[in-house]
Amino acid sequence: MPTSENLALPDERERAGIAPASAYRVSQPVWVYRQGWRPGVTLFGSERAVSVRYRQNVGLGTSVDTVLPIDLAPRTEPDPYLDRAIDGQAPLEEAVTNAV
């Protein structure tokens, strides 16, 4: 499985190995390319793009962005800040589902 260390830059990735946007599910752990590969989770997607929450390169803050599949890759490594529900809050998948 890919890790941030062995993922190629988006323009250097093999196109056949890039999953389409529609393949990503809500709350799926992913790597997001934003000036380097960052851990993230998917929020929702469409046929062409995926909205993700990802960690910044400095600190614990997060950003939300809509990205194309070339800038995403599945992530198996846990991230303690993105992959758990904050005490008193619903898990991300439940929160997104209830908001729609």
Protein backbone atom coordinates (compact mmCIF):
# COMPACT_ATOMS: atom_id res chain seq x y z
CA MET A 1 0.00 0.00 0.00
CA PRO A 2 1.18 3.54 -0.65
CA THR A 3 2.80 5.61 2.05
CA SER A 4 3.66 9.27 1.84
CA GLU A 5 7.29 8.26 1.34
CA ASN A 6 6.74 6.00 -1.68
CA LEU A 7 4.05 7.95 -3.54
CA ALA A 8 5.19 9.62 -6.72
CA LEU A 9 4.39 13.24 -7.43
CA PRO A 10 0.95 13.57 -9.04
CA ASP A 11 2.33 14.30 -12.53
CA GLU A 12 4.61 11.24 -12.29
CA ARG A 13 1.93 8.74 -11.20
CA GLU A 14 0.83 5.92 -13.49
CA ARG A 15 -2.61 7.02 -14.77
CA ALA A 16 -3.92 3.44 -14.84
CA GLY A 17 -3.30 3.14 -11.09
CA ILE A 18 -5.33 6.22 -10.12
CA ALA A 19 -8.82 5.45 -8.82
CA PRO A 20 -11.69 7.56 -10.17
CA ALA A 21 -13.31 10.09 -7.84
CA SER A 22 -16.45 7.96 -7.64
CA ALA A 23 -14.43 5.13 -6.04
CA TYR A 24 -13.85 7.07 -2.81
CA ARG A 25 -16.36 6.70 0.02
CA VAL A 26 -17.21 9.11 2.86
CA SER A 27 -14.62 9.14 5.69
CA GLN A 28 -12.09 7.12 3.70
CA PRO A 29 -8.49 7.72 4.81
CA VAL A 30 -6.49 9.20 1.94
CA TRP A 31 -3.25 10.94 1.09
CA VAL A 32 -3.86 14.41 -0.39
CA TYR A 33 -1.19 16.15 -2.43
CA ARG A 34 -0.82 19.76 -1.31
CA GLN A 35 2.86 20.79 -1.56
CA GLY A 36 3.65 17.24 -0.43
CA TRP A 37 1.48 14.26 0.53
CA ARG A 38 -0.73 15.03 3.59
CA PRO A 39 -3.00 12.67 5.54
CA GLY A 40 -6.67 13.34 4.96
CA VAL A 41 -10.19 11.92 4.96
CA THR A 42 -12.85 12.20 2.30
CA LEU A 43 -15.96 14.25 3.02
CA PHE A 44 -17.97 13.60 -0.15
CA GLY A 45 -17.39 13.21 -3.85
CA SER A 46 -18.79 13.35 -7.32
CA GLU A 47 -17.98 11.75 -10.63
CA ARG A 48 -15.04 14.15 -11.14
CA ALA A 49 -13.70 15.35 -7.77
CA VAL A 50 -13.58 14.61 -4.04
CA SER A 51 -13.89 17.02 -1.10
CA VAL A 52 -11.37 16.22 1.61
CA ARG A 53 -10.25 17.40 5.03
CA TYR A 54 -6.48 17.15 5.36
CA ARG A 55 -3.76 18.11 7.80
CA GLN A 56 -1.56 21.10 7.12
CA ASN A 57 2.19 20.58 6.92
CA VAL A 58 2.68 22.52 10.18
CA GLY A 59 0.68 22.05 13.39
CA LEU A 60 -2.58 20.24 13.95
CA GLY A 61 -4.84 22.47 11.87
CA THR A 62 -6.81 21.10 8.95
CA SER A 63 -8.00 22.45 5.63
CA VAL A 64 -10.90 21.47 3.41
CA ASP A 65 -10.49 21.38 -0.34
CA THR A 66 -11.94 19.77 -3.44
CA VAL A 67 -9.34 17.79 -5.36
CA LEU A 68 -9.05 15.70 -8.49
CA PRO A 69 -8.23 11.98 -8.24
CA ILE A 70 -4.64 12.56 -9.40
CA ASP A 71 -4.03 14.33 -6.06
CA LEU A 72 -5.45 11.46 -3.96
CA ALA A 73 -4.27 8.02 -2.91
CA PRO A 74 -5.65 5.52 -0.38
CA ARG A 75 -4.04 5.73 3.07
CA THR A 76 -3.60 2.82 5.49
CA GLU A 77 -1.39 4.51 8.09
CA PRO A 78 -3.47 5.85 10.98
CA ASP A 79 -3.53 9.54 11.76
CA PRO A 80 -4.48 10.20 15.39
CA TYR A 81 -6.05 13.59 14.62
CA LEU A 82 -8.11 12.70 11.57
CA ASP A 83 -9.13 9.09 12.13
CA ARG A 84 -10.95 9.38 15.45
CA ALA A 85 -14.05 11.19 16.54
CA ILE A 86 -13.47 14.10 18.90
CA ASP A 87 -15.04 13.49 22.33
CA GLY A 88 -18.64 14.63 22.26
CA GLN A 89 -18.87 14.78 18.47
CA ALA A 90 -20.35 12.29 16.05
CA PRO A 91 -17.95 10.36 13.81
CA LEU A 92 -17.29 12.24 10.59
CA GLU A 93 -19.27 9.84 8.38
CA GLU A 94 -22.35 10.19 10.62
CA ALA A 95 -22.02 13.98 10.79
CA VAL A 96 -21.80 14.32 7.02
CA THR A 97 -24.71 11.93 6.44
CA ASN A 98 -26.92 13.79 8.92
CA ALA A 99 -26.03 17.18 7.41
CA VAL A 100 -27.35 16.23 3.97
